[in-house]
N, C-alpha and C. Protein backbone atom coordinates (compact mmCIF):
# COMPACT_ATOMS: atom_id res chain seq x y z
N MET A 1 -71.75 2.44 89.02
CA MET A 1 -71.78 1.21 89.67
C MET A 1 -73.23 0.66 89.73
N PHE A 2 -73.46 -0.22 90.73
CA PHE A 2 -74.80 -0.80 90.85
C PHE A 2 -75.85 0.15 91.34
N LEU A 3 -75.48 0.97 92.32
CA LEU A 3 -76.40 1.85 92.94
C LEU A 3 -76.47 3.17 92.27
N GLY A 4 -75.43 3.54 91.70
CA GLY A 4 -75.37 4.80 90.96
C GLY A 4 -75.18 6.04 91.83
N GLY A 5 -74.42 6.98 91.29
CA GLY A 5 -74.31 8.27 91.97
C GLY A 5 -73.68 8.33 93.32
N GLU A 6 -74.11 9.26 94.12
CA GLU A 6 -73.57 9.50 95.44
C GLU A 6 -73.70 8.35 96.37
N ARG A 7 -74.82 7.66 96.28
CA ARG A 7 -75.08 6.50 97.15
C ARG A 7 -74.05 5.40 97.02
N SER A 8 -73.60 5.20 95.80
CA SER A 8 -72.53 4.12 95.61
C SER A 8 -71.20 4.46 96.24
N GLY A 9 -70.97 5.78 96.19
CA GLY A 9 -69.72 6.25 96.86
C GLY A 9 -69.76 6.06 98.37
N LYS A 10 -70.93 6.26 98.97
CA LYS A 10 -71.10 6.01 100.40
C LYS A 10 -70.94 4.50 100.73
N VAL A 11 -71.55 3.67 99.90
CA VAL A 11 -71.41 2.21 100.09
C VAL A 11 -69.98 1.75 100.01
N ILE A 12 -69.29 2.26 99.05
CA ILE A 12 -67.83 1.94 98.84
C ILE A 12 -67.05 2.37 100.05
N LEU A 13 -67.31 3.56 100.50
CA LEU A 13 -66.59 4.13 101.67
C LEU A 13 -66.89 3.32 102.89
N ILE A 14 -68.08 3.00 103.09
CA ILE A 14 -68.47 2.14 104.32
C ILE A 14 -67.84 0.77 104.20
N PHE A 15 -67.84 0.23 102.99
CA PHE A 15 -67.15 -1.08 102.83
C PHE A 15 -65.68 -1.06 103.11
N LEU A 16 -64.97 0.00 102.63
CA LEU A 16 -63.58 0.14 102.89
C LEU A 16 -63.30 0.34 104.38
N ILE A 17 -64.10 1.20 105.03
CA ILE A 17 -63.91 1.40 106.45
C ILE A 17 -64.14 0.07 107.24
N GLY A 18 -65.16 -0.65 106.87
CA GLY A 18 -65.38 -1.94 107.53
C GLY A 18 -64.30 -2.92 107.33
N VAL A 19 -63.80 -3.05 106.12
CA VAL A 19 -62.70 -4.02 105.81
C VAL A 19 -61.45 -3.56 106.53
N SER A 20 -61.15 -2.26 106.54
CA SER A 20 -59.87 -1.83 107.20
C SER A 20 -59.96 -1.96 108.68
N THR A 21 -61.13 -1.68 109.28
CA THR A 21 -61.38 -1.90 110.75
C THR A 21 -61.21 -3.35 111.08
N GLY A 22 -61.75 -4.24 110.28
CA GLY A 22 -61.60 -5.67 110.52
C GLY A 22 -60.17 -6.15 110.45
N ILE A 23 -59.40 -5.63 109.48
CA ILE A 23 -57.99 -5.94 109.37
C ILE A 23 -57.26 -5.51 110.60
N THR A 24 -57.57 -4.26 111.06
CA THR A 24 -56.91 -3.67 112.21
C THR A 24 -57.17 -4.46 113.50
N VAL A 25 -58.43 -4.72 113.73
CA VAL A 25 -58.84 -5.51 114.90
C VAL A 25 -58.23 -6.93 114.83
N GLY A 26 -58.28 -7.60 113.75
CA GLY A 26 -57.75 -8.93 113.49
C GLY A 26 -56.22 -8.90 113.80
N SER A 27 -55.50 -7.97 113.23
CA SER A 27 -54.06 -7.86 113.48
C SER A 27 -53.78 -7.65 114.97
N ALA A 28 -54.57 -6.79 115.58
CA ALA A 28 -54.34 -6.47 117.01
C ALA A 28 -54.58 -7.76 117.84
N ALA A 29 -55.66 -8.51 117.53
CA ALA A 29 -55.88 -9.75 118.25
C ALA A 29 -54.78 -10.74 118.00
N ALA A 30 -54.28 -10.90 116.82
CA ALA A 30 -53.19 -11.81 116.54
C ALA A 30 -51.96 -11.39 117.21
N ALA A 31 -51.67 -10.10 117.24
CA ALA A 31 -50.50 -9.61 117.95
C ALA A 31 -50.61 -9.85 119.46
N PHE A 32 -51.77 -9.71 120.04
CA PHE A 32 -52.04 -9.89 121.41
C PHE A 32 -51.81 -11.30 121.77
N LEU A 33 -52.30 -12.27 120.97
CA LEU A 33 -52.18 -13.71 121.19
C LEU A 33 -50.61 -14.04 121.08
N THR A 34 -49.99 -13.45 120.11
CA THR A 34 -48.56 -13.71 119.97
C THR A 34 -47.74 -13.23 121.12
N LEU A 35 -48.12 -11.97 121.57
CA LEU A 35 -47.38 -11.40 122.70
C LEU A 35 -47.56 -12.25 123.95
N LEU A 36 -48.74 -12.77 124.18
CA LEU A 36 -49.03 -13.61 125.32
C LEU A 36 -48.42 -14.98 125.25
N LYS A 37 -48.04 -15.35 124.01
CA LYS A 37 -47.49 -16.68 123.79
C LYS A 37 -48.39 -17.79 124.29
N ILE A 38 -49.68 -17.68 124.03
CA ILE A 38 -50.68 -18.68 124.49
C ILE A 38 -50.38 -20.05 123.90
N VAL A 39 -50.27 -20.09 122.61
CA VAL A 39 -50.07 -21.42 121.93
C VAL A 39 -48.83 -22.11 122.44
N PRO A 40 -47.68 -21.39 122.36
CA PRO A 40 -46.46 -22.10 122.87
C PRO A 40 -46.53 -22.55 124.34
N ARG A 41 -47.21 -21.67 125.13
CA ARG A 41 -47.37 -21.96 126.58
C ARG A 41 -48.22 -23.21 126.74
N VAL A 42 -49.32 -23.24 126.09
CA VAL A 42 -50.21 -24.45 126.18
C VAL A 42 -49.50 -25.73 125.73
N THR A 43 -48.81 -25.67 124.62
CA THR A 43 -48.07 -26.85 124.19
C THR A 43 -46.98 -27.24 125.16
N GLN A 44 -46.37 -26.29 125.78
CA GLN A 44 -45.34 -26.58 126.81
C GLN A 44 -45.96 -27.24 128.05
N VAL A 45 -47.05 -26.68 128.50
CA VAL A 45 -47.66 -27.20 129.75
C VAL A 45 -48.31 -28.57 129.47
N THR A 46 -48.90 -28.78 128.35
CA THR A 46 -49.58 -30.02 128.02
C THR A 46 -48.65 -31.08 127.34
N GLU A 47 -47.45 -30.65 127.10
CA GLU A 47 -46.40 -31.52 126.41
C GLU A 47 -46.96 -32.08 125.13
N THR A 48 -47.52 -31.21 124.29
CA THR A 48 -48.10 -31.55 123.00
C THR A 48 -47.53 -30.69 121.90
N LYS A 49 -46.22 -30.63 121.91
CA LYS A 49 -45.56 -29.80 120.85
C LYS A 49 -45.90 -30.15 119.45
N GLU A 50 -46.15 -31.46 119.24
CA GLU A 50 -46.40 -31.95 117.84
C GLU A 50 -47.75 -31.39 117.34
N TYR A 51 -48.63 -30.82 118.20
CA TYR A 51 -49.95 -30.34 117.76
C TYR A 51 -50.00 -28.79 117.73
N ILE A 52 -48.82 -28.14 117.69
CA ILE A 52 -48.78 -26.66 117.72
C ILE A 52 -49.54 -26.05 116.51
N LYS A 53 -49.37 -26.59 115.35
CA LYS A 53 -50.09 -26.08 114.17
C LYS A 53 -51.61 -26.32 114.30
N LEU A 54 -52.03 -27.40 114.85
CA LEU A 54 -53.40 -27.65 115.10
C LEU A 54 -54.04 -26.61 116.04
N TYR A 55 -53.29 -26.31 117.10
CA TYR A 55 -53.79 -25.21 118.03
C TYR A 55 -53.99 -23.93 117.30
N GLU A 56 -53.01 -23.55 116.46
CA GLU A 56 -53.14 -22.34 115.70
C GLU A 56 -54.27 -22.31 114.75
N TYR A 57 -54.50 -23.39 114.04
CA TYR A 57 -55.64 -23.48 113.10
C TYR A 57 -56.98 -23.44 113.85
N VAL A 58 -57.05 -24.14 114.99
CA VAL A 58 -58.31 -24.10 115.74
C VAL A 58 -58.64 -22.74 116.20
N ILE A 59 -57.68 -21.94 116.67
CA ILE A 59 -57.90 -20.55 117.10
C ILE A 59 -58.42 -19.77 115.91
N ILE A 60 -57.81 -19.90 114.75
CA ILE A 60 -58.17 -19.12 113.57
C ILE A 60 -59.60 -19.57 113.13
N ILE A 61 -59.88 -20.82 113.03
CA ILE A 61 -61.19 -21.29 112.56
C ILE A 61 -62.26 -20.88 113.60
N GLY A 62 -61.93 -20.95 114.91
CA GLY A 62 -62.86 -20.54 115.94
C GLY A 62 -63.20 -19.07 115.84
N GLY A 63 -62.21 -18.19 115.55
CA GLY A 63 -62.49 -16.85 115.36
C GLY A 63 -63.32 -16.52 114.16
N ILE A 64 -63.11 -17.17 113.07
CA ILE A 64 -63.88 -16.99 111.85
C ILE A 64 -65.32 -17.46 112.07
N ILE A 65 -65.53 -18.62 112.71
CA ILE A 65 -66.88 -19.17 112.95
C ILE A 65 -67.59 -18.23 113.88
N ALA A 66 -66.96 -17.73 114.97
CA ALA A 66 -67.59 -16.90 115.92
C ALA A 66 -68.03 -15.53 115.26
N SER A 67 -67.12 -15.05 114.40
CA SER A 67 -67.51 -13.79 113.63
C SER A 67 -68.69 -14.01 112.76
N LEU A 68 -68.73 -15.10 112.03
CA LEU A 68 -69.87 -15.43 111.14
C LEU A 68 -71.16 -15.57 111.91
N ILE A 69 -71.09 -16.24 113.03
CA ILE A 69 -72.33 -16.36 113.87
C ILE A 69 -72.76 -15.05 114.42
N TYR A 70 -71.79 -14.27 114.88
CA TYR A 70 -72.12 -13.01 115.53
C TYR A 70 -72.81 -12.02 114.58
N PHE A 71 -72.33 -11.97 113.35
CA PHE A 71 -72.86 -11.06 112.35
C PHE A 71 -73.97 -11.58 111.47
N SER A 72 -74.44 -12.79 111.78
CA SER A 72 -75.54 -13.29 110.99
C SER A 72 -76.78 -13.43 111.89
N ASP A 73 -77.90 -13.75 111.29
CA ASP A 73 -79.15 -13.86 112.02
C ASP A 73 -79.39 -15.35 112.43
N VAL A 74 -78.40 -16.11 112.46
CA VAL A 74 -78.57 -17.50 112.82
C VAL A 74 -78.93 -17.67 114.28
N LYS A 75 -79.93 -18.44 114.60
CA LYS A 75 -80.33 -18.72 115.90
C LYS A 75 -79.88 -20.17 116.21
N LEU A 76 -78.98 -20.25 117.24
CA LEU A 76 -78.48 -21.61 117.59
C LEU A 76 -79.18 -22.03 118.82
N SER A 77 -79.69 -23.28 118.87
CA SER A 77 -80.26 -23.80 120.07
C SER A 77 -79.74 -25.24 120.27
N PHE A 78 -78.99 -25.40 121.28
CA PHE A 78 -78.39 -26.67 121.61
C PHE A 78 -78.96 -27.18 122.92
N SER A 79 -78.80 -28.48 123.14
CA SER A 79 -79.23 -29.01 124.47
C SER A 79 -78.26 -28.60 125.49
N LYS A 80 -78.70 -28.68 126.74
CA LYS A 80 -77.87 -28.32 127.85
C LYS A 80 -76.69 -29.29 128.01
N TYR A 81 -76.86 -30.55 127.54
CA TYR A 81 -75.80 -31.54 127.57
C TYR A 81 -74.69 -31.19 126.61
N PHE A 82 -74.97 -30.51 125.59
CA PHE A 82 -73.88 -29.96 124.66
C PHE A 82 -73.28 -28.67 125.20
N CYS A 83 -74.16 -27.82 125.75
CA CYS A 83 -73.67 -26.49 126.13
C CYS A 83 -72.81 -26.55 127.38
N VAL A 84 -73.00 -27.44 128.27
CA VAL A 84 -72.18 -27.48 129.47
C VAL A 84 -70.72 -27.81 129.19
N PRO A 85 -70.42 -28.87 128.41
CA PRO A 85 -68.99 -29.16 128.08
C PRO A 85 -68.34 -27.96 127.24
N VAL A 86 -69.14 -27.46 126.33
CA VAL A 86 -68.58 -26.36 125.49
C VAL A 86 -68.35 -25.16 126.38
N GLY A 87 -69.24 -24.86 127.35
CA GLY A 87 -68.99 -23.75 128.24
C GLY A 87 -67.77 -23.98 129.19
N ILE A 88 -67.51 -25.23 129.59
CA ILE A 88 -66.30 -25.49 130.37
C ILE A 88 -65.08 -25.31 129.50
N ILE A 89 -65.11 -25.75 128.33
CA ILE A 89 -63.97 -25.57 127.37
C ILE A 89 -63.67 -24.08 127.18
N ILE A 90 -64.73 -23.32 126.92
CA ILE A 90 -64.54 -21.89 126.75
C ILE A 90 -63.99 -21.20 127.97
N GLY A 91 -64.53 -21.68 129.12
CA GLY A 91 -64.07 -21.15 130.42
C GLY A 91 -62.56 -21.47 130.66
N VAL A 92 -62.15 -22.65 130.29
CA VAL A 92 -60.71 -22.98 130.37
C VAL A 92 -59.93 -22.05 129.49
N PHE A 93 -60.42 -21.85 128.23
CA PHE A 93 -59.63 -20.97 127.34
C PHE A 93 -59.51 -19.56 127.96
N TYR A 94 -60.60 -18.99 128.46
CA TYR A 94 -60.54 -17.67 129.04
C TYR A 94 -59.66 -17.63 130.26
N GLY A 95 -59.66 -18.69 131.07
CA GLY A 95 -58.87 -18.76 132.22
C GLY A 95 -57.34 -18.76 131.86
N LEU A 96 -57.05 -19.58 130.83
CA LEU A 96 -55.64 -19.60 130.28
C LEU A 96 -55.25 -18.21 129.77
N PHE A 97 -56.20 -17.58 129.05
CA PHE A 97 -55.94 -16.29 128.50
C PHE A 97 -55.67 -15.26 129.58
N ALA A 98 -56.49 -15.22 130.59
CA ALA A 98 -56.32 -14.26 131.71
C ALA A 98 -55.09 -14.54 132.49
N SER A 99 -54.78 -15.85 132.65
CA SER A 99 -53.53 -16.24 133.40
C SER A 99 -52.34 -15.78 132.60
N ALA A 100 -52.35 -15.95 131.30
CA ALA A 100 -51.24 -15.55 130.45
C ALA A 100 -51.07 -14.09 130.46
N LEU A 101 -52.15 -13.29 130.45
CA LEU A 101 -52.05 -11.92 130.52
C LEU A 101 -51.47 -11.46 131.89
N ALA A 102 -51.94 -12.03 132.89
CA ALA A 102 -51.40 -11.72 134.26
C ALA A 102 -49.92 -12.05 134.40
N GLU A 103 -49.54 -13.22 133.77
CA GLU A 103 -48.09 -13.62 133.78
C GLU A 103 -47.23 -12.64 132.94
N ILE A 104 -47.74 -12.21 131.83
CA ILE A 104 -46.96 -11.28 131.05
C ILE A 104 -46.75 -9.98 131.77
N LEU A 105 -47.83 -9.48 132.37
CA LEU A 105 -47.77 -8.22 133.05
C LEU A 105 -47.16 -8.30 134.48
N ASN A 106 -46.80 -9.53 134.86
CA ASN A 106 -46.24 -9.78 136.22
C ASN A 106 -47.11 -9.16 137.33
N VAL A 107 -48.44 -9.29 137.21
CA VAL A 107 -49.33 -8.72 138.15
C VAL A 107 -49.17 -9.39 139.51
N ILE A 108 -49.21 -10.71 139.57
CA ILE A 108 -49.13 -11.31 140.90
C ILE A 108 -47.82 -11.14 141.58
N PRO A 109 -46.68 -11.33 140.89
CA PRO A 109 -45.40 -11.12 141.62
C PRO A 109 -45.22 -9.64 142.06
N VAL A 110 -45.64 -8.66 141.25
CA VAL A 110 -45.53 -7.28 141.68
C VAL A 110 -46.42 -7.02 142.84
N PHE A 111 -47.62 -7.56 142.86
CA PHE A 111 -48.55 -7.44 143.98
C PHE A 111 -47.92 -8.01 145.27
N ALA A 112 -47.35 -9.25 145.13
CA ALA A 112 -46.84 -9.92 146.28
C ALA A 112 -45.63 -9.19 146.85
N LYS A 113 -44.79 -8.60 145.94
CA LYS A 113 -43.64 -7.86 146.42
C LYS A 113 -44.02 -6.50 147.07
N LYS A 114 -44.98 -5.86 146.47
CA LYS A 114 -45.45 -4.54 146.92
C LYS A 114 -46.04 -4.58 148.28
N PHE A 115 -46.84 -5.65 148.56
CA PHE A 115 -47.53 -5.78 149.83
C PHE A 115 -46.83 -6.80 150.77
N LYS A 116 -45.60 -7.20 150.42
CA LYS A 116 -44.81 -8.10 151.26
C LYS A 116 -45.63 -9.39 151.58
N ALA A 117 -46.23 -9.96 150.56
CA ALA A 117 -47.03 -11.13 150.81
C ALA A 117 -46.51 -12.36 150.03
N LYS A 118 -45.21 -12.58 150.03
CA LYS A 118 -44.58 -13.77 149.31
C LYS A 118 -45.11 -15.07 149.90
N HIS A 119 -45.27 -15.16 151.19
CA HIS A 119 -45.63 -16.39 151.87
C HIS A 119 -47.16 -16.69 151.73
N GLU A 120 -47.94 -15.66 151.39
CA GLU A 120 -49.39 -15.84 151.25
C GLU A 120 -49.79 -15.94 149.78
N LEU A 121 -48.83 -16.15 148.89
CA LEU A 121 -49.07 -16.21 147.47
C LEU A 121 -50.12 -17.26 147.08
N GLN A 122 -50.06 -18.40 147.69
CA GLN A 122 -51.02 -19.46 147.35
C GLN A 122 -52.39 -19.07 147.74
N TYR A 123 -52.57 -18.28 148.81
CA TYR A 123 -53.95 -17.85 149.22
C TYR A 123 -54.41 -16.75 148.33
N ILE A 124 -53.51 -15.93 147.83
CA ILE A 124 -53.93 -14.81 146.89
C ILE A 124 -54.38 -15.46 145.61
N ILE A 125 -53.65 -16.44 145.07
CA ILE A 125 -54.03 -17.01 143.80
C ILE A 125 -55.36 -17.85 143.99
N GLY A 126 -55.46 -18.49 145.10
CA GLY A 126 -56.72 -19.14 145.44
C GLY A 126 -57.90 -18.24 145.51
N ALA A 127 -57.74 -17.07 146.11
CA ALA A 127 -58.76 -16.03 146.28
C ALA A 127 -59.15 -15.52 144.89
N LEU A 128 -58.14 -15.30 144.05
CA LEU A 128 -58.46 -14.82 142.74
C LEU A 128 -59.31 -15.82 141.90
N ILE A 129 -58.92 -17.11 141.98
CA ILE A 129 -59.65 -18.14 141.29
C ILE A 129 -61.11 -18.25 141.88
N PHE A 130 -61.18 -18.28 143.16
CA PHE A 130 -62.49 -18.41 143.82
C PHE A 130 -63.39 -17.24 143.47
N GLY A 131 -62.84 -15.99 143.45
CA GLY A 131 -63.61 -14.83 143.06
C GLY A 131 -64.03 -14.90 141.69
N LYS A 132 -63.21 -15.29 140.79
CA LYS A 132 -63.55 -15.33 139.32
C LYS A 132 -64.66 -16.38 139.13
N VAL A 133 -64.57 -17.54 139.75
CA VAL A 133 -65.61 -18.58 139.61
C VAL A 133 -66.94 -18.09 140.19
N LEU A 134 -66.90 -17.52 141.41
CA LEU A 134 -68.06 -16.97 142.07
C LEU A 134 -68.73 -15.97 141.25
N GLY A 135 -67.95 -15.05 140.73
CA GLY A 135 -68.46 -13.95 139.84
C GLY A 135 -69.14 -14.49 138.60
N ALA A 136 -68.48 -15.52 137.97
CA ALA A 136 -69.08 -16.09 136.77
C ALA A 136 -70.40 -16.84 137.02
N LEU A 137 -70.38 -17.57 138.17
CA LEU A 137 -71.63 -18.30 138.56
C LEU A 137 -72.75 -17.27 138.88
N TYR A 138 -72.45 -16.21 139.54
CA TYR A 138 -73.45 -15.17 139.90
C TYR A 138 -74.00 -14.58 138.58
N TYR A 139 -73.10 -14.28 137.65
CA TYR A 139 -73.55 -13.70 136.46
C TYR A 139 -74.42 -14.63 135.62
N TRP A 140 -74.06 -15.84 135.46
CA TRP A 140 -74.81 -16.72 134.56
C TRP A 140 -75.99 -17.38 135.26
N LEU A 141 -76.02 -17.51 136.55
CA LEU A 141 -77.12 -18.18 137.22
C LEU A 141 -78.16 -17.17 137.79
N ILE A 142 -77.70 -16.02 138.23
CA ILE A 142 -78.64 -15.06 138.81
C ILE A 142 -78.88 -13.83 138.02
N PHE A 143 -77.80 -13.12 137.72
CA PHE A 143 -77.97 -11.85 137.05
C PHE A 143 -78.53 -11.98 135.60
N LYS A 144 -78.03 -12.96 134.83
CA LYS A 144 -78.45 -13.17 133.46
C LYS A 144 -79.85 -13.58 133.30
N LYS A 145 -80.46 -14.21 134.32
CA LYS A 145 -81.86 -14.62 134.29
C LYS A 145 -82.80 -13.46 134.33
N ASN A 146 -82.39 -12.33 134.93
CA ASN A 146 -83.32 -11.18 135.09
C ASN A 146 -83.44 -10.41 133.85
């Protein structure tokens, strides 16, 4: 091959391991999104069923672009006026993702039933949201600066 000898065998082995790992992780991520039914749930809540293919394509393209940026040496610098709306959009996505996961696992109903807190459910959900927002603000505004 190009490198010759034992070294080319190692390169081929590393390449095959990398590709198979990528396929495995990608398949697991796709299965996870499918199990959580994020796209159908978002289209149901927003009443935009006609855009279901667009949602799917955007998730795929976003994953590809994020992977390319992560594994490249590209330095991105955007103004804060661009980063704030993008950060909010990403936060909404992660919020939906976490909510879908909690819904699938029935975390909140099981918790409410176990601790006999059916009437306090609105306060529990509010506390979860408040804690998540407070934790994110602490991380990005205080912890990350150090």
